[in-house]
Amino acid sequence: WFVENRIDSIDITSPHAVTTPGALR
């Protein structure tokens, strides 16, 4: 999906930079 949409890096403010928060687990 990222390649097709010509996204070559994930910016630090991108919603795609949000990974599942693991701290509480």
mmCIF file of all heavy atoms, coordinates in Angstrom:
data_MODEL
# 
_entry.id   MODEL 
# 
loop_
_atom_site.group_PDB 
_atom_site.id 
_atom_site.type_symbol 
_atom_site.label_atom_id 
_atom_site.label_alt_id 
_atom_site.label_comp_id 
_atom_site.label_asym_id 
_atom_site.label_entity_id 
_atom_site.label_seq_id 
_atom_site.pdbx_PDB_ins_code 
_atom_site.Cartn_x 
_atom_site.Cartn_y 
_atom_site.Cartn_z 
_atom_site.occupancy 
_atom_site.B_iso_or_equiv 
_atom_site.pdbx_formal_charge 
_atom_site.auth_seq_id 
_atom_site.auth_comp_id 
_atom_site.auth_asym_id 
_atom_site.auth_atom_id 
_atom_site.pdbx_PDB_model_num 
ATOM 1   N N   . TRP A 1 1  ? 0.834  -1.204 0.000   1.00 0.00 ? 1  TRP A N   1 
ATOM 2   C CA  . TRP A 1 1  ? 0.000  0.000  0.000   1.00 0.00 ? 1  TRP A CA  1 
ATOM 3   C C   . TRP A 1 1  ? 0.869  1.253  0.000   1.00 0.00 ? 1  TRP A C   1 
ATOM 4   O O   . TRP A 1 1  ? 0.596  2.214  -0.726  1.00 0.00 ? 1  TRP A O   1 
ATOM 5   C CB  . TRP A 1 1  ? -0.921 -0.009 1.220   1.00 0.00 ? 1  TRP A CB  1 
ATOM 6   C CG  . TRP A 1 1  ? -1.859 1.162  1.263   1.00 0.00 ? 1  TRP A CG  1 
ATOM 7   C CD1 . TRP A 1 1  ? -3.101 1.249  0.713   1.00 0.00 ? 1  TRP A CD1 1 
ATOM 8   C CD2 . TRP A 1 1  ? -1.598 2.435  1.881   1.00 0.00 ? 1  TRP A CD2 1 
ATOM 9   N NE1 . TRP A 1 1  ? -3.649 2.490  0.947   1.00 0.00 ? 1  TRP A NE1 1 
ATOM 10  C CE2 . TRP A 1 1  ? -2.745 3.245  1.662   1.00 0.00 ? 1  TRP A CE2 1 
ATOM 11  C CE3 . TRP A 1 1  ? -0.533 2.979  2.590   1.00 0.00 ? 1  TRP A CE3 1 
ATOM 12  C CZ2 . TRP A 1 1  ? -2.847 4.549  2.131   1.00 0.00 ? 1  TRP A CZ2 1 
ATOM 13  C CZ3 . TRP A 1 1  ? -0.616 4.276  3.058   1.00 0.00 ? 1  TRP A CZ3 1 
ATOM 14  C CH2 . TRP A 1 1  ? -1.760 5.055  2.829   1.00 0.00 ? 1  TRP A CH2 1 
ATOM 15  N N   . PHE A 1 2  ? 1.928  1.240  0.814   1.00 0.00 ? 2  PHE A N   1 
ATOM 16  C CA  . PHE A 1 2  ? 2.809  2.404  0.889   1.00 0.00 ? 2  PHE A CA  1 
ATOM 17  C C   . PHE A 1 2  ? 3.553  2.604  -0.428  1.00 0.00 ? 2  PHE A C   1 
ATOM 18  O O   . PHE A 1 2  ? 3.713  3.738  -0.895  1.00 0.00 ? 2  PHE A O   1 
ATOM 19  C CB  . PHE A 1 2  ? 3.791  2.243  2.058   1.00 0.00 ? 2  PHE A CB  1 
ATOM 20  C CG  . PHE A 1 2  ? 3.135  2.296  3.404   1.00 0.00 ? 2  PHE A CG  1 
ATOM 21  C CD1 . PHE A 1 2  ? 2.654  1.141  4.011   1.00 0.00 ? 2  PHE A CD1 1 
ATOM 22  C CD2 . PHE A 1 2  ? 2.977  3.498  4.075   1.00 0.00 ? 2  PHE A CD2 1 
ATOM 23  C CE1 . PHE A 1 2  ? 2.032  1.191  5.238   1.00 0.00 ? 2  PHE A CE1 1 
ATOM 24  C CE2 . PHE A 1 2  ? 2.362  3.556  5.307   1.00 0.00 ? 2  PHE A CE2 1 
ATOM 25  C CZ  . PHE A 1 2  ? 1.879  2.397  5.889   1.00 0.00 ? 2  PHE A CZ  1 
ATOM 26  N N   . VAL A 1 3  ? 4.011  1.517  -1.023  1.00 0.00 ? 3  VAL A N   1 
ATOM 27  C CA  . VAL A 1 3  ? 4.720  1.611  -2.304  1.00 0.00 ? 3  VAL A CA  1 
ATOM 28  C C   . VAL A 1 3  ? 3.781  2.139  -3.386  1.00 0.00 ? 3  VAL A C   1 
ATOM 29  O O   . VAL A 1 3  ? 4.140  3.048  -4.157  1.00 0.00 ? 3  VAL A O   1 
ATOM 30  C CB  . VAL A 1 3  ? 5.290  0.235  -2.709  1.00 0.00 ? 3  VAL A CB  1 
ATOM 31  C CG1 . VAL A 1 3  ? 5.883  0.300  -4.119  1.00 0.00 ? 3  VAL A CG1 1 
ATOM 32  C CG2 . VAL A 1 3  ? 6.352  -0.209 -1.703  1.00 0.00 ? 3  VAL A CG2 1 
ATOM 33  N N   . GLU A 1 4  ? 2.572  1.594  -3.440  1.00 0.00 ? 4  GLU A N   1 
ATOM 34  C CA  . GLU A 1 4  ? 1.601  2.028  -4.460  1.00 0.00 ? 4  GLU A CA  1 
ATOM 35  C C   . GLU A 1 4  ? 1.228  3.498  -4.308  1.00 0.00 ? 4  GLU A C   1 
ATOM 36  O O   . GLU A 1 4  ? 0.946  4.186  -5.298  1.00 0.00 ? 4  GLU A O   1 
ATOM 37  C CB  . GLU A 1 4  ? 0.350  1.158  -4.374  1.00 0.00 ? 4  GLU A CB  1 
ATOM 38  C CG  . GLU A 1 4  ? 0.553  -0.266 -4.866  1.00 0.00 ? 4  GLU A CG  1 
ATOM 39  C CD  . GLU A 1 4  ? -0.629 -1.165 -4.543  1.00 0.00 ? 4  GLU A CD  1 
ATOM 40  O OE1 . GLU A 1 4  ? -1.648 -0.646 -4.013  1.00 0.00 ? 4  GLU A OE1 1 
ATOM 41  O OE2 . GLU A 1 4  ? -0.530 -2.379 -4.808  1.00 0.00 ? 4  GLU A OE2 1 
ATOM 42  N N   . ASN A 1 5  ? 1.218  3.981  -3.070  1.00 0.00 ? 5  ASN A N   1 
ATOM 43  C CA  . ASN A 1 5  ? 0.865  5.372  -2.817  1.00 0.00 ? 5  ASN A CA  1 
ATOM 44  C C   . ASN A 1 5  ? 2.088  6.292  -2.791  1.00 0.00 ? 5  ASN A C   1 
ATOM 45  O O   . ASN A 1 5  ? 1.989  7.443  -2.359  1.00 0.00 ? 5  ASN A O   1 
ATOM 46  C CB  . ASN A 1 5  ? 0.074  5.483  -1.520  1.00 0.00 ? 5  ASN A CB  1 
ATOM 47  C CG  . ASN A 1 5  ? -1.352 4.993  -1.661  1.00 0.00 ? 5  ASN A CG  1 
ATOM 48  O OD1 . ASN A 1 5  ? -2.231 5.736  -2.082  1.00 0.00 ? 5  ASN A OD1 1 
ATOM 49  N ND2 . ASN A 1 5  ? -1.579 3.717  -1.352  1.00 0.00 ? 5  ASN A ND2 1 
ATOM 50  N N   . ARG A 1 6  ? 3.218  5.752  -3.218  1.00 0.00 ? 6  ARG A N   1 
ATOM 51  C CA  . ARG A 1 6  ? 4.460  6.520  -3.364  1.00 0.00 ? 6  ARG A CA  1 
ATOM 52  C C   . ARG A 1 6  ? 4.884  7.197  -2.060  1.00 0.00 ? 6  ARG A C   1 
ATOM 53  O O   . ARG A 1 6  ? 5.380  8.321  -2.052  1.00 0.00 ? 6  ARG A O   1 
ATOM 54  C CB  . ARG A 1 6  ? 4.313  7.543  -4.492  1.00 0.00 ? 6  ARG A CB  1 
ATOM 55  C CG  . ARG A 1 6  ? 4.048  6.895  -5.842  1.00 0.00 ? 6  ARG A CG  1 
ATOM 56  C CD  . ARG A 1 6  ? 3.954  7.916  -6.951  1.00 0.00 ? 6  ARG A CD  1 
ATOM 57  N NE  . ARG A 1 6  ? 3.707  7.255  -8.245  1.00 0.00 ? 6  ARG A NE  1 
ATOM 58  C CZ  . ARG A 1 6  ? 3.592  7.906  -9.404  1.00 0.00 ? 6  ARG A CZ  1 
ATOM 59  N NH1 . ARG A 1 6  ? 3.708  9.229  -9.429  1.00 0.00 ? 6  ARG A NH1 1 
ATOM 60  N NH2 . ARG A 1 6  ? 3.366  7.238  -10.527 1.00 0.00 ? 6  ARG A NH2 1 
ATOM 61  N N   . ILE A 1 7  ? 4.685  6.479  -0.988  1.00 0.00 ? 7  ILE A N   1 
ATOM 62  C CA  . ILE A 1 7  ? 5.175  6.935  0.322   1.00 0.00 ? 7  ILE A CA  1 
ATOM 63  C C   . ILE A 1 7  ? 6.519  6.262  0.549   1.00 0.00 ? 7  ILE A C   1 
ATOM 64  O O   . ILE A 1 7  ? 6.602  5.038  0.643   1.00 0.00 ? 7  ILE A O   1 
ATOM 65  C CB  . ILE A 1 7  ? 4.174  6.563  1.440   1.00 0.00 ? 7  ILE A CB  1 
ATOM 66  C CG1 . ILE A 1 7  ? 2.833  7.259  1.200   1.00 0.00 ? 7  ILE A CG1 1 
ATOM 67  C CG2 . ILE A 1 7  ? 4.738  6.921  2.815   1.00 0.00 ? 7  ILE A CG2 1 
ATOM 68  C CD1 . ILE A 1 7  ? 1.727  6.798  2.137   1.00 0.00 ? 7  ILE A CD1 1 
ATOM 69  N N   . ASP A 1 8  ? 7.601  7.043  0.600   1.00 0.00 ? 8  ASP A N   1 
ATOM 70  C CA  . ASP A 1 8  ? 8.928  6.440  0.706   1.00 0.00 ? 8  ASP A CA  1 
ATOM 71  C C   . ASP A 1 8  ? 9.478  6.431  2.125   1.00 0.00 ? 8  ASP A C   1 
ATOM 72  O O   . ASP A 1 8  ? 10.529 5.834  2.389   1.00 0.00 ? 8  ASP A O   1 
ATOM 73  C CB  . ASP A 1 8  ? 9.921  7.118  -0.243  1.00 0.00 ? 8  ASP A CB  1 
ATOM 74  C CG  . ASP A 1 8  ? 10.021 8.620  -0.019  1.00 0.00 ? 8  ASP A CG  1 
ATOM 75  O OD1 . ASP A 1 8  ? 9.486  9.119  0.993   1.00 0.00 ? 8  ASP A OD1 1 
ATOM 76  O OD2 . ASP A 1 8  ? 10.638 9.294  -0.862  1.00 0.00 ? 8  ASP A OD2 1 
ATOM 77  N N   . SER A 1 9  ? 8.799  7.094  3.046   1.00 0.00 ? 9  SER A N   1 
ATOM 78  C CA  . SER A 1 9  ? 9.188  7.046  4.453   1.00 0.00 ? 9  SER A CA  1 
ATOM 79  C C   . SER A 1 9  ? 7.977  7.432  5.287   1.00 0.00 ? 9  SER A C   1 
ATOM 80  O O   . SER A 1 9  ? 7.032  8.060  4.779   1.00 0.00 ? 9  SER A O   1 
ATOM 81  C CB  . SER A 1 9  ? 10.362 7.986  4.751   1.00 0.00 ? 9  SER A CB  1 
ATOM 82  O OG  . SER A 1 9  ? 9.987  9.333  4.529   1.00 0.00 ? 9  SER A OG  1 
ATOM 83  N N   . ILE A 1 10 ? 7.990  7.062  6.562   1.00 0.00 ? 10 ILE A N   1 
ATOM 84  C CA  . ILE A 1 10 ? 6.864  7.355  7.446   1.00 0.00 ? 10 ILE A CA  1 
ATOM 85  C C   . ILE A 1 10 ? 7.263  8.514  8.342   1.00 0.00 ? 10 ILE A C   1 
ATOM 86  O O   . ILE A 1 10 ? 8.148  8.399  9.192   1.00 0.00 ? 10 ILE A O   1 
ATOM 87  C CB  . ILE A 1 10 ? 6.477  6.119  8.277   1.00 0.00 ? 10 ILE A CB  1 
ATOM 88  C CG1 . ILE A 1 10 ? 6.069  4.981  7.336   1.00 0.00 ? 10 ILE A CG1 1 
ATOM 89  C CG2 . ILE A 1 10 ? 5.325  6.458  9.226   1.00 0.00 ? 10 ILE A CG2 1 
ATOM 90  C CD1 . ILE A 1 10 ? 5.778  3.676  8.039   1.00 0.00 ? 10 ILE A CD1 1 
ATOM 91  N N   . ASP A 1 11 ? 6.610  9.643  8.143   1.00 0.00 ? 11 ASP A N   1 
ATOM 92  C CA  . ASP A 1 11 ? 6.924  10.852 8.901   1.00 0.00 ? 11 ASP A CA  1 
ATOM 93  C C   . ASP A 1 11 ? 6.564  10.673 10.369  1.00 0.00 ? 11 ASP A C   1 
ATOM 94  O O   . ASP A 1 11 ? 5.644  9.916  10.714  1.00 0.00 ? 11 ASP A O   1 
ATOM 95  C CB  . ASP A 1 11 ? 6.153  12.033 8.311   1.00 0.00 ? 11 ASP A CB  1 
ATOM 96  C CG  . ASP A 1 11 ? 6.556  13.358 8.934   1.00 0.00 ? 11 ASP A CG  1 
ATOM 97  O OD1 . ASP A 1 11 ? 7.612  13.881 8.568   1.00 0.00 ? 11 ASP A OD1 1 
ATOM 98  O OD2 . ASP A 1 11 ? 5.813  13.848 9.811   1.00 0.00 ? 11 ASP A OD2 1 
ATOM 99  N N   . ILE A 1 12 ? 7.256  11.405 11.235  1.00 0.00 ? 12 ILE A N   1 
ATOM 100 C CA  . ILE A 1 12 ? 7.033  11.251 12.673  1.00 0.00 ? 12 ILE A CA  1 
ATOM 101 C C   . ILE A 1 12 ? 5.660  11.740 13.127  1.00 0.00 ? 12 ILE A C   1 
ATOM 102 O O   . ILE A 1 12 ? 5.207  11.399 14.221  1.00 0.00 ? 12 ILE A O   1 
ATOM 103 C CB  . ILE A 1 12 ? 8.126  11.966 13.498  1.00 0.00 ? 12 ILE A CB  1 
ATOM 104 C CG1 . ILE A 1 12 ? 8.122  13.477 13.237  1.00 0.00 ? 12 ILE A CG1 1 
ATOM 105 C CG2 . ILE A 1 12 ? 9.488  11.355 13.240  1.00 0.00 ? 12 ILE A CG2 1 
ATOM 106 C CD1 . ILE A 1 12 ? 9.012  14.249 14.195  1.00 0.00 ? 12 ILE A CD1 1 
ATOM 107 N N   . THR A 1 13 ? 4.967  12.512 12.301  1.00 0.00 ? 13 THR A N   1 
ATOM 108 C CA  . THR A 1 13 ? 3.635  12.977 12.656  1.00 0.00 ? 13 THR A CA  1 
ATOM 109 C C   . THR A 1 13 ? 2.532  12.252 11.878  1.00 0.00 ? 13 THR A C   1 
ATOM 110 O O   . THR A 1 13 ? 1.361  12.592 12.002  1.00 0.00 ? 13 THR A O   1 
ATOM 111 C CB  . THR A 1 13 ? 3.499  14.498 12.423  1.00 0.00 ? 13 THR A CB  1 
ATOM 112 O OG1 . THR A 1 13 ? 3.751  14.782 11.042  1.00 0.00 ? 13 THR A OG1 1 
ATOM 113 C CG2 . THR A 1 13 ? 4.463  15.277 13.294  1.00 0.00 ? 13 THR A CG2 1 
ATOM 114 N N   . SER A 1 14 ? 2.906  11.257 11.113  1.00 0.00 ? 14 SER A N   1 
ATOM 115 C CA  . SER A 1 14 ? 1.937  10.543 10.294  1.00 0.00 ? 14 SER A CA  1 
ATOM 116 C C   . SER A 1 14 ? 1.078  9.604  11.141  1.00 0.00 ? 14 SER A C   1 
ATOM 117 O O   . SER A 1 14 ? 1.580  8.973  12.083  1.00 0.00 ? 14 SER A O   1 
ATOM 118 C CB  . SER A 1 14 ? 2.671  9.719  9.233   1.00 0.00 ? 14 SER A CB  1 
ATOM 119 O OG  . SER A 1 14 ? 1.802  8.789  8.613   1.00 0.00 ? 14 SER A OG  1 
ATOM 120 N N   . PRO A 1 15 ? -0.204 9.447  10.799  1.00 0.00 ? 15 PRO A N   1 
ATOM 121 C CA  . PRO A 1 15 ? -1.010 8.439  11.504  1.00 0.00 ? 15 PRO A CA  1 
ATOM 122 C C   . PRO A 1 15 ? -0.484 7.024  11.285  1.00 0.00 ? 15 PRO A C   1 
ATOM 123 O O   . PRO A 1 15 ? -0.752 6.126  12.085  1.00 0.00 ? 15 PRO A O   1 
ATOM 124 C CB  . PRO A 1 15 ? -2.406 8.620  10.895  1.00 0.00 ? 15 PRO A CB  1 
ATOM 125 C CG  . PRO A 1 15 ? -2.176 9.273  9.572   1.00 0.00 ? 15 PRO A CG  1 
ATOM 126 C CD  . PRO A 1 15 ? -0.988 10.165 9.767   1.00 0.00 ? 15 PRO A CD  1 
ATOM 127 N N   . HIS A 1 16 ? 0.292  6.828  10.215  1.00 0.00 ? 16 HIS A N   1 
ATOM 128 C CA  . HIS A 1 16 ? 0.895  5.516  9.964   1.00 0.00 ? 16 HIS A CA  1 
ATOM 129 C C   . HIS A 1 16 ? 2.073  5.240  10.899  1.00 0.00 ? 16 HIS A C   1 
ATOM 130 O O   . HIS A 1 16 ? 2.568  4.112  10.952  1.00 0.00 ? 16 HIS A O   1 
ATOM 131 C CB  . HIS A 1 16 ? 1.337  5.421  8.502   1.00 0.00 ? 16 HIS A CB  1 
ATOM 132 C CG  . HIS A 1 16 ? 0.212  5.592  7.529   1.00 0.00 ? 16 HIS A CG  1 
ATOM 133 N ND1 . HIS A 1 16 ? -0.874 4.756  7.503   1.00 0.00 ? 16 HIS A ND1 1 
ATOM 134 C CD2 . HIS A 1 16 ? -0.015 6.546  6.581   1.00 0.00 ? 16 HIS A CD2 1 
ATOM 135 C CE1 . HIS A 1 16 ? -1.718 5.157  6.569   1.00 0.00 ? 16 HIS A CE1 1 
ATOM 136 N NE2 . HIS A 1 16 ? -1.220 6.247  5.999   1.00 0.00 ? 16 HIS A NE2 1 
ATOM 137 N N   . ALA A 1 17 ? 2.512  6.258  11.612  1.00 0.00 ? 17 ALA A N   1 
ATOM 138 C CA  . ALA A 1 17 ? 3.579  6.065  12.606  1.00 0.00 ? 17 ALA A CA  1 
ATOM 139 C C   . ALA A 1 17 ? 3.042  5.529  13.927  1.00 0.00 ? 17 ALA A C   1 
ATOM 140 O O   . ALA A 1 17 ? 3.819  5.132  14.793  1.00 0.00 ? 17 ALA A O   1 
ATOM 141 C CB  . ALA A 1 17 ? 4.321  7.376  12.844  1.00 0.00 ? 17 ALA A CB  1 
ATOM 142 N N   . VAL A 1 18 ? 1.723  5.526  14.087  1.00 0.00 ? 18 VAL A N   1 
ATOM 143 C CA  . VAL A 1 18 ? 1.130  5.048  15.341  1.00 0.00 ? 18 VAL A CA  1 
ATOM 144 C C   . VAL A 1 18 ? 1.120  3.523  15.351  1.00 0.00 ? 18 VAL A C   1 
ATOM 145 O O   . VAL A 1 18 ? 0.401  2.891  14.579  1.00 0.00 ? 18 VAL A O   1 
ATOM 146 C CB  . VAL A 1 18 ? -0.301 5.578  15.532  1.00 0.00 ? 18 VAL A CB  1 
ATOM 147 C CG1 . VAL A 1 18 ? -0.866 5.078  16.862  1.00 0.00 ? 18 VAL A CG1 1 
ATOM 148 C CG2 . VAL A 1 18 ? -0.329 7.102  15.491  1.00 0.00 ? 18 VAL A CG2 1 
ATOM 149 N N   . THR A 1 19 ? 1.934  2.932  16.192  1.00 0.00 ? 19 THR A N   1 
ATOM 150 C CA  . THR A 1 19 ? 1.891  1.497  16.426  1.00 0.00 ? 19 THR A CA  1 
ATOM 151 C C   . THR A 1 19 ? 1.118  1.240  17.723  1.00 0.00 ? 19 THR A C   1 
ATOM 152 O O   . THR A 1 19 ? 0.872  2.151  18.508  1.00 0.00 ? 19 THR A O   1 
ATOM 153 C CB  . THR A 1 19 ? 3.312  0.916  16.540  1.00 0.00 ? 19 THR A CB  1 
ATOM 154 O OG1 . THR A 1 19 ? 4.094  1.762  17.409  1.00 0.00 ? 19 THR A OG1 1 
ATOM 155 C CG2 . THR A 1 19 ? 3.991  0.845  15.185  1.00 0.00 ? 19 THR A CG2 1 
ATOM 156 N N   . THR A 1 20 ? 0.733  0.004  17.936  1.00 0.00 ? 20 THR A N   1 
ATOM 157 C CA  . THR A 1 20 ? -0.020 -0.337 19.132  1.00 0.00 ? 20 THR A CA  1 
ATOM 158 C C   . THR A 1 20 ? 0.798  0.007  20.376  1.00 0.00 ? 20 THR A C   1 
ATOM 159 O O   . THR A 1 20 ? 1.954  -0.393 20.481  1.00 0.00 ? 20 THR A O   1 
ATOM 160 C CB  . THR A 1 20 ? -0.344 -1.838 19.144  1.00 0.00 ? 20 THR A CB  1 
ATOM 161 O OG1 . THR A 1 20 ? -0.940 -2.196 17.907  1.00 0.00 ? 20 THR A OG1 1 
ATOM 162 C CG2 . THR A 1 20 ? -1.293 -2.175 20.279  1.00 0.00 ? 20 THR A CG2 1 
ATOM 163 N N   . PRO A 1 21 ? 0.241  0.737  21.323  1.00 0.00 ? 21 PRO A N   1 
ATOM 164 C CA  . PRO A 1 21 ? 0.999  1.056  22.547  1.00 0.00 ? 21 PRO A CA  1 
ATOM 165 C C   . PRO A 1 21 ? 1.189  -0.196 23.412  1.00 0.00 ? 21 PRO A C   1 
ATOM 166 O O   . PRO A 1 21 ? 0.213  -0.806 23.858  1.00 0.00 ? 21 PRO A O   1 
ATOM 167 C CB  . PRO A 1 21 ? 0.094  2.071  23.264  1.00 0.00 ? 21 PRO A CB  1 
ATOM 168 C CG  . PRO A 1 21 ? -0.920 2.515  22.253  1.00 0.00 ? 21 PRO A CG  1 
ATOM 169 C CD  . PRO A 1 21 ? -1.086 1.370  21.305  1.00 0.00 ? 21 PRO A CD  1 
ATOM 170 N N   . GLY A 1 22 ? 2.431  -0.570 23.641  1.00 0.00 ? 22 GLY A N   1 
ATOM 171 C CA  . GLY A 1 22 ? 2.695  -1.813 24.371  1.00 0.00 ? 22 GLY A CA  1 
ATOM 172 C C   . GLY A 1 22 ? 3.035  -1.659 25.837  1.00 0.00 ? 22 GLY A C   1 
ATOM 173 O O   . GLY A 1 22 ? 3.140  -2.653 26.564  1.00 0.00 ? 22 GLY A O   1 
ATOM 174 N N   . ALA A 1 23 ? 3.203  -0.408 26.309  1.00 0.00 ? 23 ALA A N   1 
ATOM 175 C CA  . ALA A 1 23 ? 3.725  -0.188 27.660  1.00 0.00 ? 23 ALA A CA  1 
ATOM 176 C C   . ALA A 1 23 ? 2.883  -0.860 28.736  1.00 0.00 ? 23 ALA A C   1 
ATOM 177 O O   . ALA A 1 23 ? 3.407  -1.576 29.603  1.00 0.00 ? 23 ALA A O   1 
ATOM 178 C CB  . ALA A 1 23 ? 3.844  1.311  27.935  1.00 0.00 ? 23 ALA A CB  1 
ATOM 179 N N   . LEU A 1 24 ? 1.589  -0.642 28.711  1.00 0.00 ? 24 LEU A N   1 
ATOM 180 C CA  . LEU A 1 24 ? 0.745  -1.161 29.790  1.00 0.00 ? 24 LEU A CA  1 
ATOM 181 C C   . LEU A 1 24 ? 0.730  -2.681 29.835  1.00 0.00 ? 24 LEU A C   1 
ATOM 182 O O   . LEU A 1 24 ? 0.620  -3.276 30.919  1.00 0.00 ? 24 LEU A O   1 
ATOM 183 C CB  . LEU A 1 24 ? -0.675 -0.620 29.657  1.00 0.00 ? 24 LEU A CB  1 
ATOM 184 C CG  . LEU A 1 24 ? -0.871 0.832  30.111  1.00 0.00 ? 24 LEU A CG  1 
ATOM 185 C CD1 . LEU A 1 24 ? -2.271 1.310  29.749  1.00 0.00 ? 24 LEU A CD1 1 
ATOM 186 C CD2 . LEU A 1 24 ? -0.634 0.990  31.613  1.00 0.00 ? 24 LEU A CD2 1 
ATOM 187 N N   . ARG A 1 25 ? 0.833  -3.332 28.683  1.00 0.00 ? 25 ARG A N   1 
ATOM 188 C CA  . ARG A 1 25 ? 0.922  -4.796 28.690  1.00 0.00 ? 25 ARG A CA  1 
ATOM 189 C C   . ARG A 1 25 ? 2.200  -5.261 29.386  1.00 0.00 ? 25 ARG A C   1 
ATOM 190 O O   . ARG A 1 25 ? 2.203  -6.270 30.106  1.00 0.00 ? 25 ARG A O   1 
ATOM 191 C CB  . ARG A 1 25 ? 0.859  -5.334 27.264  1.00 0.00 ? 25 ARG A CB  1 
ATOM 192 C CG  . ARG A 1 25 ? -0.527 -5.331 26.641  1.00 0.00 ? 25 ARG A CG  1 
ATOM 193 C CD  . ARG A 1 25 ? -1.505 -6.198 27.410  1.00 0.00 ? 25 ARG A CD  1 
ATOM 194 N NE  . ARG A 1 25 ? -2.797 -6.301 26.723  1.00 0.00 ? 25 ARG A NE  1 
ATOM 195 C CZ  . ARG A 1 25 ? -3.920 -6.683 27.301  1.00 0.00 ? 25 ARG A CZ  1 
ATOM 196 N NH1 . ARG A 1 25 ? -3.929 -6.976 28.594  1.00 0.00 ? 25 ARG A NH1 1 
ATOM 197 N NH2 . ARG A 1 25 ? -5.040 -6.766 26.614  1.00 0.00 ? 25 ARG A NH2 1 
# 
